[in-house]
Amino acid sequence: LLGAMITSWIKYGKPDISMTCNGALAGLVGITAGCATVS
C-alpha cells in the first residue's frame, strides 16, 4: 500500500486512491508464495 501510494504521489503529484488500493493487493499477492519461508 505504501509503495504504491508513494509512487503515485511522485508520478501524479497526488497520492492516488485507486493505485493505493491496488498496492495493498499487490503486496498481498506478492507475499503469498513465500509467506511461510521469509522473515
All heavy atoms as atom14 arrays in JSON, in Angstrom:
{
  "sequence": "LLGAMITSWIKYGKPDISMTCNGALAGLVGITAGCATVS",
  "atom14_mask": [
    [1, 1, 1, 1, 1, 1, 1, 1, 0, 0, 0, 0, 0, 0],
    [1, 1, 1, 1, 1, 1, 1, 1, 0, 0, 0, 0, 0, 0],
    [1, 1, 1, 1, 0, 0, 0, 0, 0, 0, 0, 0, 0, 0],
    [1, 1, 1, 1, 1, 0, 0, 0, 0, 0, 0, 0, 0, 0],
    [1, 1, 1, 1, 1, 1, 1, 1, 0, 0, 0, 0, 0, 0],
    [1, 1, 1, 1, 1, 1, 1, 1, 0, 0, 0, 0, 0, 0],
    [1, 1, 1, 1, 1, 1, 1, 0, 0, 0, 0, 0, 0, 0],
    [1, 1, 1, 1, 1, 1, 0, 0, 0, 0, 0, 0, 0, 0],
    [1, 1, 1, 1, 1, 1, 1, 1, 1, 1, 1, 1, 1, 1],
    [1, 1, 1, 1, 1, 1, 1, 1, 0, 0, 0, 0, 0, 0],
    [1, 1, 1, 1, 1, 1, 1, 1, 1, 0, 0, 0, 0, 0],
    [1, 1, 1, 1, 1, 1, 1, 1, 1, 1, 1, 1, 0, 0],
    [1, 1, 1, 1, 0, 0, 0, 0, 0, 0, 0, 0, 0, 0],
    [1, 1, 1, 1, 1, 1, 1, 1, 1, 0, 0, 0, 0, 0],
    [1, 1, 1, 1, 1, 1, 1, 0, 0, 0, 0, 0, 0, 0],
    [1, 1, 1, 1, 1, 1, 1, 1, 0, 0, 0, 0, 0, 0],
    [1, 1, 1, 1, 1, 1, 1, 1, 0, 0, 0, 0, 0, 0],
    [1, 1, 1, 1, 1, 1, 0, 0, 0, 0, 0, 0, 0, 0],
    [1, 1, 1, 1, 1, 1, 1, 1, 0, 0, 0, 0, 0, 0],
    [1, 1, 1, 1, 1, 1, 1, 0, 0, 0, 0, 0, 0, 0],
    [1, 1, 1, 1, 1, 1, 0, 0, 0, 0, 0, 0, 0, 0],
    [1, 1, 1, 1, 1, 1, 1, 1, 0, 0, 0, 0, 0, 0],
    [1, 1, 1, 1, 0, 0, 0, 0, 0, 0, 0, 0, 0, 0],
    [1, 1, 1, 1, 1, 0, 0, 0, 0, 0, 0, 0, 0, 0],
    [1, 1, 1, 1, 1, 1, 1, 1, 0, 0, 0, 0, 0, 0],
    [1, 1, 1, 1, 1, 0, 0, 0, 0, 0, 0, 0, 0, 0],
    [1, 1, 1, 1, 0, 0, 0, 0, 0, 0, 0, 0, 0, 0],
    [1, 1, 1, 1, 1, 1, 1, 1, 0, 0, 0, 0, 0, 0],
    [1, 1, 1, 1, 1, 1, 1, 0, 0, 0, 0, 0, 0, 0],
    [1, 1, 1, 1, 0, 0, 0, 0, 0, 0, 0, 0, 0, 0],
    [1, 1, 1, 1, 1, 1, 1, 1, 0, 0, 0, 0, 0, 0],
    [1, 1, 1, 1, 1, 1, 1, 0, 0, 0, 0, 0, 0, 0],
    [1, 1, 1, 1, 1, 0, 0, 0, 0, 0, 0, 0, 0, 0],
    [1, 1, 1, 1, 0, 0, 0, 0, 0, 0, 0, 0, 0, 0],
    [1, 1, 1, 1, 1, 1, 0, 0, 0, 0, 0, 0, 0, 0],
    [1, 1, 1, 1, 1, 0, 0, 0, 0, 0, 0, 0, 0, 0],
    [1, 1, 1, 1, 1, 1, 1, 0, 0, 0, 0, 0, 0, 0],
    [1, 1, 1, 1, 1, 1, 1, 0, 0, 0, 0, 0, 0, 0],
    [1, 1, 1, 1, 1, 1, 0, 0, 0, 0, 0, 0, 0, 0]
  ],
  "atom14_positions": [
    [[0.83, -1.21, 0.0], [0.0, 0.0, 0.0], [0.87, 1.26, 0.0], [0.66, 2.18, -0.81], [-0.93, -0.02, 1.21], [-1.96, 1.1, 1.35], [-3.17, 0.6, 2.12], [-1.39, 2.33, 2.06], [0.0, 0.0, 0.0], [0.0, 0.0, 0.0], [0.0, 0.0, 0.0], [0.0, 0.0, 0.0], [0.0, 0.0, 0.0], [0.0, 0.0, 0.0]],
    [[1.86, 1.3, 0.9], [2.72, 2.47, 0.99], [3.56, 2.66, -0.27], [3.76, 3.78, -0.76], [3.63, 2.36, 2.22], [2.92, 2.39, 3.58], [3.9, 2.12, 4.69], [2.24, 3.74, 3.79], [0.0, 0.0, 0.0], [0.0, 0.0, 0.0], [0.0, 0.0, 0.0], [0.0, 0.0, 0.0], [0.0, 0.0, 0.0], [0.0, 0.0, 0.0]],
    [[4.05, 1.55, -0.83], [4.85, 1.63, -2.04], [4.07, 2.23, -3.2], [4.57, 3.1, -3.94], [0.0, 0.0, 0.0], [0.0, 0.0, 0.0], [0.0, 0.0, 0.0], [0.0, 0.0, 0.0], [0.0, 0.0, 0.0], [0.0, 0.0, 0.0], [0.0, 0.0, 0.0], [0.0, 0.0, 0.0], [0.0, 0.0, 0.0], [0.0, 0.0, 0.0]],
    [[2.84, 1.77, -3.38], [2.0, 2.29, -4.48], [1.58, 3.73, -4.21], [1.55, 4.56, -5.12], [0.77, 1.41, -4.66], [0.0, 0.0, 0.0], [0.0, 0.0, 0.0], [0.0, 0.0, 0.0], [0.0, 0.0, 0.0], [0.0, 0.0, 0.0], [0.0, 0.0, 0.0], [0.0, 0.0, 0.0], [0.0, 0.0, 0.0], [0.0, 0.0, 0.0]],
    [[1.26, 4.04, -2.96], [0.85, 5.39, -2.61], [1.97, 6.4, -2.89], [1.76, 7.44, -3.53], [0.46, 5.47, -1.13], [-0.03, 6.83, -0.69], [-0.23, 6.96, 1.12], [1.49, 7.04, 1.64], [0.0, 0.0, 0.0], [0.0, 0.0, 0.0], [0.0, 0.0, 0.0], [0.0, 0.0, 0.0], [0.0, 0.0, 0.0], [0.0, 0.0, 0.0]],
    [[3.17, 6.07, -2.45], [4.3, 6.98, -2.64], [4.66, 7.1, -4.12], [4.94, 8.2, -4.62], [5.5, 6.5, -1.81], [5.19, 6.63, -0.31], [6.76, 7.3, -2.16], [6.19, 5.94, 0.59], [0.0, 0.0, 0.0], [0.0, 0.0, 0.0], [0.0, 0.0, 0.0], [0.0, 0.0, 0.0], [0.0, 0.0, 0.0], [0.0, 0.0, 0.0]],
    [[4.62, 5.98, -4.82], [4.94, 6.01, -6.26], [3.94, 6.87, -7.02], [4.32, 7.69, -7.87], [4.94, 4.58, -6.83], [5.89, 3.78, -6.12], [5.33, 4.59, -8.31], [0.0, 0.0, 0.0], [0.0, 0.0, 0.0], [0.0, 0.0, 0.0], [0.0, 0.0, 0.0], [0.0, 0.0, 0.0], [0.0, 0.0, 0.0], [0.0, 0.0, 0.0]],
    [[2.66, 6.7, -6.74], [1.65, 7.52, -7.42], [1.77, 8.98, -7.02], [1.53, 9.89, -7.84], [0.24, 6.99, -7.11], [-0.1, 7.19, -5.74], [0.0, 0.0, 0.0], [0.0, 0.0, 0.0], [0.0, 0.0, 0.0], [0.0, 0.0, 0.0], [0.0, 0.0, 0.0], [0.0, 0.0, 0.0], [0.0, 0.0, 0.0], [0.0, 0.0, 0.0]],
    [[2.13, 9.25, -5.79], [2.31, 10.61, -5.3], [3.42, 11.32, -6.09], [3.29, 12.47, -6.51], [2.66, 10.57, -3.82], [2.33, 11.8, -3.04], [2.18, 13.07, -3.49], [2.1, 11.86, -1.62], [1.88, 13.93, -2.48], [1.83, 13.21, -1.3], [2.11, 10.91, -0.6], [1.57, 13.63, 0.0], [1.85, 11.32, 0.7], [1.57, 12.66, 0.99]],
    [[4.52, 10.58, -6.29], [5.65, 11.13, -7.04], [5.28, 11.33, -8.51], [5.59, 12.36, -9.12], [6.88, 10.2, -6.92], [7.39, 10.19, -5.47], [7.99, 10.64, -7.88], [8.45, 9.15, -5.2], [0.0, 0.0, 0.0], [0.0, 0.0, 0.0], [0.0, 0.0, 0.0], [0.0, 0.0, 0.0], [0.0, 0.0, 0.0], [0.0, 0.0, 0.0]],
    [[4.59, 10.36, -9.1], [4.29, 10.4, -10.53], [3.2, 11.4, -10.87], [3.24, 12.09, -11.9], [3.87, 9.01, -11.03], [5.02, 8.02, -11.16], [4.56, 6.71, -11.74], [4.14, 6.84, -13.18], [5.26, 7.19, -14.09], [0.0, 0.0, 0.0], [0.0, 0.0, 0.0], [0.0, 0.0, 0.0], [0.0, 0.0, 0.0], [0.0, 0.0, 0.0]],
    [[2.16, 11.48, -10.03], [0.98, 12.28, -10.36], [0.84, 13.54, -9.53], [-0.05, 14.34, -9.77], [-0.29, 11.44, -10.21], [-0.21, 10.08, -10.86], [-0.58, 8.93, -10.17], [0.24, 9.93, -12.17], [-0.51, 7.68, -10.75], [0.33, 8.69, -12.76], [-0.05, 7.56, -12.05], [0.03, 6.33, -12.63], [0.0, 0.0, 0.0], [0.0, 0.0, 0.0]],
    [[1.7, 13.71, -8.53], [1.6, 14.89, -7.68], [0.61, 14.76, -6.54], [0.55, 15.61, -5.66], [0.0, 0.0, 0.0], [0.0, 0.0, 0.0], [0.0, 0.0, 0.0], [0.0, 0.0, 0.0], [0.0, 0.0, 0.0], [0.0, 0.0, 0.0], [0.0, 0.0, 0.0], [0.0, 0.0, 0.0], [0.0, 0.0, 0.0], [0.0, 0.0, 0.0]],
    [[-0.19, 13.68, -6.56], [-1.16, 13.4, -5.5], [-1.14, 11.89, -5.22], [-0.9, 11.09, -6.12], [-2.58, 13.8, -5.92], [-2.77, 15.27, -6.27], [-2.77, 16.13, -5.02], [-3.09, 17.59, -5.4], [-3.08, 18.47, -4.2], [0.0, 0.0, 0.0], [0.0, 0.0, 0.0], [0.0, 0.0, 0.0], [0.0, 0.0, 0.0], [0.0, 0.0, 0.0]],
    [[-1.4, 11.48, -3.98], [-1.48, 10.04, -3.68], [-2.8, 9.47, -4.2], [-3.86, 9.74, -3.65], [-1.39, 9.96, -2.16], [-1.89, 11.31, -1.69], [-1.52, 12.3, -2.76], [0.0, 0.0, 0.0], [0.0, 0.0, 0.0], [0.0, 0.0, 0.0], [0.0, 0.0, 0.0], [0.0, 0.0, 0.0], [0.0, 0.0, 0.0], [0.0, 0.0, 0.0]],
    [[-2.72, 8.72, -5.28], [-3.92, 8.22, -5.97], [-4.6, 7.11, -5.16], [-3.96, 6.15, -4.72], [-3.52, 7.69, -7.34], [-4.69, 7.26, -8.18], [-5.27, 8.1, -8.87], [-5.05, 6.05, -8.11], [0.0, 0.0, 0.0], [0.0, 0.0, 0.0], [0.0, 0.0, 0.0], [0.0, 0.0, 0.0], [0.0, 0.0, 0.0], [0.0, 0.0, 0.0]],
    [[-5.92, 7.22, -5.0], [-6.65, 6.25, -4.18], [-6.7, 4.88, -4.84], [-6.45, 3.85, -4.19], [-8.09, 6.75, -3.89], [-8.06, 8.07, -3.13], [-8.87, 5.7, -3.1], [-9.42, 8.72, -2.96], [0.0, 0.0, 0.0], [0.0, 0.0, 0.0], [0.0, 0.0, 0.0], [0.0, 0.0, 0.0], [0.0, 0.0, 0.0], [0.0, 0.0, 0.0]],
    [[-7.02, 4.84, -6.12], [-7.14, 3.54, -6.79], [-5.81, 2.81, -6.84], [-5.75, 1.59, -6.64], [-7.72, 3.72, -8.2], [-6.86, 4.51, -9.0], [0.0, 0.0, 0.0], [0.0, 0.0, 0.0], [0.0, 0.0, 0.0], [0.0, 0.0, 0.0], [0.0, 0.0, 0.0], [0.0, 0.0, 0.0], [0.0, 0.0, 0.0], [0.0, 0.0, 0.0]],
    [[-4.72, 3.54, -7.09], [-3.4, 2.92, -7.09], [-3.03, 2.43, -5.7], [-2.42, 1.36, -5.53], [-2.35, 3.9, -7.6], [-2.41, 4.18, -9.08], [-2.01, 2.7, -10.07], [-1.94, 3.46, -11.7], [0.0, 0.0, 0.0], [0.0, 0.0, 0.0], [0.0, 0.0, 0.0], [0.0, 0.0, 0.0], [0.0, 0.0, 0.0], [0.0, 0.0, 0.0]],
    [[-3.4, 3.19, -4.68], [-3.12, 2.78, -3.3], [-3.85, 1.49, -2.96], [-3.29, 0.58, -2.34], [-3.52, 3.9, -2.33], [-2.77, 5.08, -2.63], [-3.26, 3.5, -0.89], [0.0, 0.0, 0.0], [0.0, 0.0, 0.0], [0.0, 0.0, 0.0], [0.0, 0.0, 0.0], [0.0, 0.0, 0.0], [0.0, 0.0, 0.0], [0.0, 0.0, 0.0]],
    [[-5.11, 1.4, -3.38], [-5.87, 0.17, -3.17], [-5.2, -1.01, -3.85], [-5.02, -2.09, -3.26], [-7.3, 0.33, -3.7], [-8.37, 1.39, -2.7], [0.0, 0.0, 0.0], [0.0, 0.0, 0.0], [0.0, 0.0, 0.0], [0.0, 0.0, 0.0], [0.0, 0.0, 0.0], [0.0, 0.0, 0.0], [0.0, 0.0, 0.0], [0.0, 0.0, 0.0]],
    [[-4.82, -0.82, -5.11], [-4.16, -1.9, -5.83], [-2.8, -2.24, -5.23], [-2.33, -3.37, -5.31], [-4.01, -1.54, -7.31], [-5.23, -1.93, -8.12], [-5.96, -2.85, -7.77], [-5.47, -1.22, -9.22], [0.0, 0.0, 0.0], [0.0, 0.0, 0.0], [0.0, 0.0, 0.0], [0.0, 0.0, 0.0], [0.0, 0.0, 0.0], [0.0, 0.0, 0.0]],
    [[-2.16, -1.24, -4.62], [-0.88, -1.51, -3.97], [-1.01, -2.46, -2.8], [-0.16, -3.34, -2.59], [0.0, 0.0, 0.0], [0.0, 0.0, 0.0], [0.0, 0.0, 0.0], [0.0, 0.0, 0.0], [0.0, 0.0, 0.0], [0.0, 0.0, 0.0], [0.0, 0.0, 0.0], [0.0, 0.0, 0.0], [0.0, 0.0, 0.0], [0.0, 0.0, 0.0]],
    [[-2.07, -2.3, -2.0], [-2.3, -3.23, -0.9], [-2.47, -4.64, -1.42], [-1.89, -5.61, -0.9], [-3.52, -2.8, -0.1], [0.0, 0.0, 0.0], [0.0, 0.0, 0.0], [0.0, 0.0, 0.0], [0.0, 0.0, 0.0], [0.0, 0.0, 0.0], [0.0, 0.0, 0.0], [0.0, 0.0, 0.0], [0.0, 0.0, 0.0], [0.0, 0.0, 0.0]],
    [[-3.28, -4.78, -2.48], [-3.49, -6.11, -3.07], [-2.2, -6.66, -3.66], [-1.92, -7.86, -3.57], [-4.59, -6.04, -4.13], [-5.96, -5.6, -3.64], [-6.96, -5.56, -4.81], [-6.48, -6.52, -2.54], [0.0, 0.0, 0.0], [0.0, 0.0, 0.0], [0.0, 0.0, 0.0], [0.0, 0.0, 0.0], [0.0, 0.0, 0.0], [0.0, 0.0, 0.0]],
    [[-1.4, -5.78, -4.28], [-0.13, -6.22, -4.85], [0.8, -6.78, -3.78], [1.46, -7.82, -3.99], [0.54, -5.04, -5.57], [0.0, 0.0, 0.0], [0.0, 0.0, 0.0], [0.0, 0.0, 0.0], [0.0, 0.0, 0.0], [0.0, 0.0, 0.0], [0.0, 0.0, 0.0], [0.0, 0.0, 0.0], [0.0, 0.0, 0.0], [0.0, 0.0, 0.0]],
    [[0.86, -6.11, -2.64], [1.69, -6.62, -1.55], [1.21, -7.95, -1.03], [2.02, -8.84, -0.7], [0.0, 0.0, 0.0], [0.0, 0.0, 0.0], [0.0, 0.0, 0.0], [0.0, 0.0, 0.0], [0.0, 0.0, 0.0], [0.0, 0.0, 0.0], [0.0, 0.0, 0.0], [0.0, 0.0, 0.0], [0.0, 0.0, 0.0], [0.0, 0.0, 0.0]],
    [[-0.1, -8.12, -0.97], [-0.67, -9.4, -0.5], [-0.41, -10.52, -1.51], [-0.06, -11.65, -1.13], [-2.17, -9.23, -0.25], [-2.53, -8.31, 0.92], [-4.0, -7.92, 0.87], [-2.19, -8.97, 2.26], [0.0, 0.0, 0.0], [0.0, 0.0, 0.0], [0.0, 0.0, 0.0], [0.0, 0.0, 0.0], [0.0, 0.0, 0.0], [0.0, 0.0, 0.0]],
    [[-0.58, -10.22, -2.78], [-0.28, -11.22, -3.81], [1.2, -11.57, -3.79], [1.59, -12.74, -3.88], [-0.68, -10.69, -5.21], [-0.14, -11.62, -6.3], [-2.19, -10.58, -5.32], [0.0, 0.0, 0.0], [0.0, 0.0, 0.0], [0.0, 0.0, 0.0], [0.0, 0.0, 0.0], [0.0, 0.0, 0.0], [0.0, 0.0, 0.0], [0.0, 0.0, 0.0]],
    [[2.05, -10.55, -3.63], [3.49, -10.77, -3.68], [4.01, -11.67, -2.57], [4.95, -12.44, -2.77], [0.0, 0.0, 0.0], [0.0, 0.0, 0.0], [0.0, 0.0, 0.0], [0.0, 0.0, 0.0], [0.0, 0.0, 0.0], [0.0, 0.0, 0.0], [0.0, 0.0, 0.0], [0.0, 0.0, 0.0], [0.0, 0.0, 0.0], [0.0, 0.0, 0.0]],
    [[3.42, -11.6, -1.38], [3.91, -12.39, -0.26], [3.32, -13.79, -0.23], [3.78, -14.66, 0.52], [3.6, -11.68, 1.08], [4.45, -12.26, 2.22], [2.12, -11.76, 1.41], [5.93, -12.18, 2.01], [0.0, 0.0, 0.0], [0.0, 0.0, 0.0], [0.0, 0.0, 0.0], [0.0, 0.0, 0.0], [0.0, 0.0, 0.0], [0.0, 0.0, 0.0]],
    [[2.32, -14.07, -1.06], [1.59, -15.33, -0.97], [2.48, -16.54, -1.23], [2.32, -17.59, -0.59], [0.38, -15.29, -1.92], [-0.52, -14.28, -1.47], [-0.35, -16.61, -1.96], [0.0, 0.0, 0.0], [0.0, 0.0, 0.0], [0.0, 0.0, 0.0], [0.0, 0.0, 0.0], [0.0, 0.0, 0.0], [0.0, 0.0, 0.0], [0.0, 0.0, 0.0]],
    [[3.43, -16.43, -2.13], [4.3, -17.58, -2.43], [5.25, -17.89, -1.28], [5.47, -19.05, -0.92], [5.1, -17.33, -3.7], [0.0, 0.0, 0.0], [0.0, 0.0, 0.0], [0.0, 0.0, 0.0], [0.0, 0.0, 0.0], [0.0, 0.0, 0.0], [0.0, 0.0, 0.0], [0.0, 0.0, 0.0], [0.0, 0.0, 0.0], [0.0, 0.0, 0.0]],
    [[5.83, -16.85, -0.69], [6.87, -17.06, 0.31], [6.45, -16.82, 1.73], [7.3, -16.69, 2.62], [0.0, 0.0, 0.0], [0.0, 0.0, 0.0], [0.0, 0.0, 0.0], [0.0, 0.0, 0.0], [0.0, 0.0, 0.0], [0.0, 0.0, 0.0], [0.0, 0.0, 0.0], [0.0, 0.0, 0.0], [0.0, 0.0, 0.0], [0.0, 0.0, 0.0]],
    [[5.15, -16.8, 2.0], [4.66, -16.4, 3.32], [5.1, -17.33, 4.45], [5.09, -16.93, 5.61], [3.14, -16.27, 3.31], [2.25, -17.77, 2.85], [0.0, 0.0, 0.0], [0.0, 0.0, 0.0], [0.0, 0.0, 0.0], [0.0, 0.0, 0.0], [0.0, 0.0, 0.0], [0.0, 0.0, 0.0], [0.0, 0.0, 0.0], [0.0, 0.0, 0.0]],
    [[5.48, -18.55, 4.13], [5.91, -19.5, 5.17], [7.42, -19.59, 5.29], [7.92, -20.27, 6.18], [5.34, -20.89, 4.88], [0.0, 0.0, 0.0], [0.0, 0.0, 0.0], [0.0, 0.0, 0.0], [0.0, 0.0, 0.0], [0.0, 0.0, 0.0], [0.0, 0.0, 0.0], [0.0, 0.0, 0.0], [0.0, 0.0, 0.0], [0.0, 0.0, 0.0]],
    [[8.14, -18.88, 4.41], [9.6, -19.08, 4.37], [10.39, -17.78, 4.35], [11.61, -17.82, 4.12], [9.98, -19.92, 3.13], [9.47, -19.3, 1.95], [9.45, -21.34, 3.25], [0.0, 0.0, 0.0], [0.0, 0.0, 0.0], [0.0, 0.0, 0.0], [0.0, 0.0, 0.0], [0.0, 0.0, 0.0], [0.0, 0.0, 0.0], [0.0, 0.0, 0.0]],
    [[9.76, -16.63, 4.57], [10.51, -15.37, 4.63], [10.31, -14.73, 5.99], [9.36, -15.03, 6.72], [10.08, -14.39, 3.51], [10.23, -15.03, 2.15], [8.65, -13.9, 3.72], [0.0, 0.0, 0.0], [0.0, 0.0, 0.0], [0.0, 0.0, 0.0], [0.0, 0.0, 0.0], [0.0, 0.0, 0.0], [0.0, 0.0, 0.0], [0.0, 0.0, 0.0]],
    [[11.21, -13.82, 6.33], [11.14, -13.13, 7.61], [10.22, -11.92, 7.52], [9.89, -11.45, 6.42], [12.54, -12.65, 8.01], [12.96, -11.6, 7.14], [0.0, 0.0, 0.0], [0.0, 0.0, 0.0], [0.0, 0.0, 0.0], [0.0, 0.0, 0.0], [0.0, 0.0, 0.0], [0.0, 0.0, 0.0], [0.0, 0.0, 0.0], [0.0, 0.0, 0.0]]
  ]
}
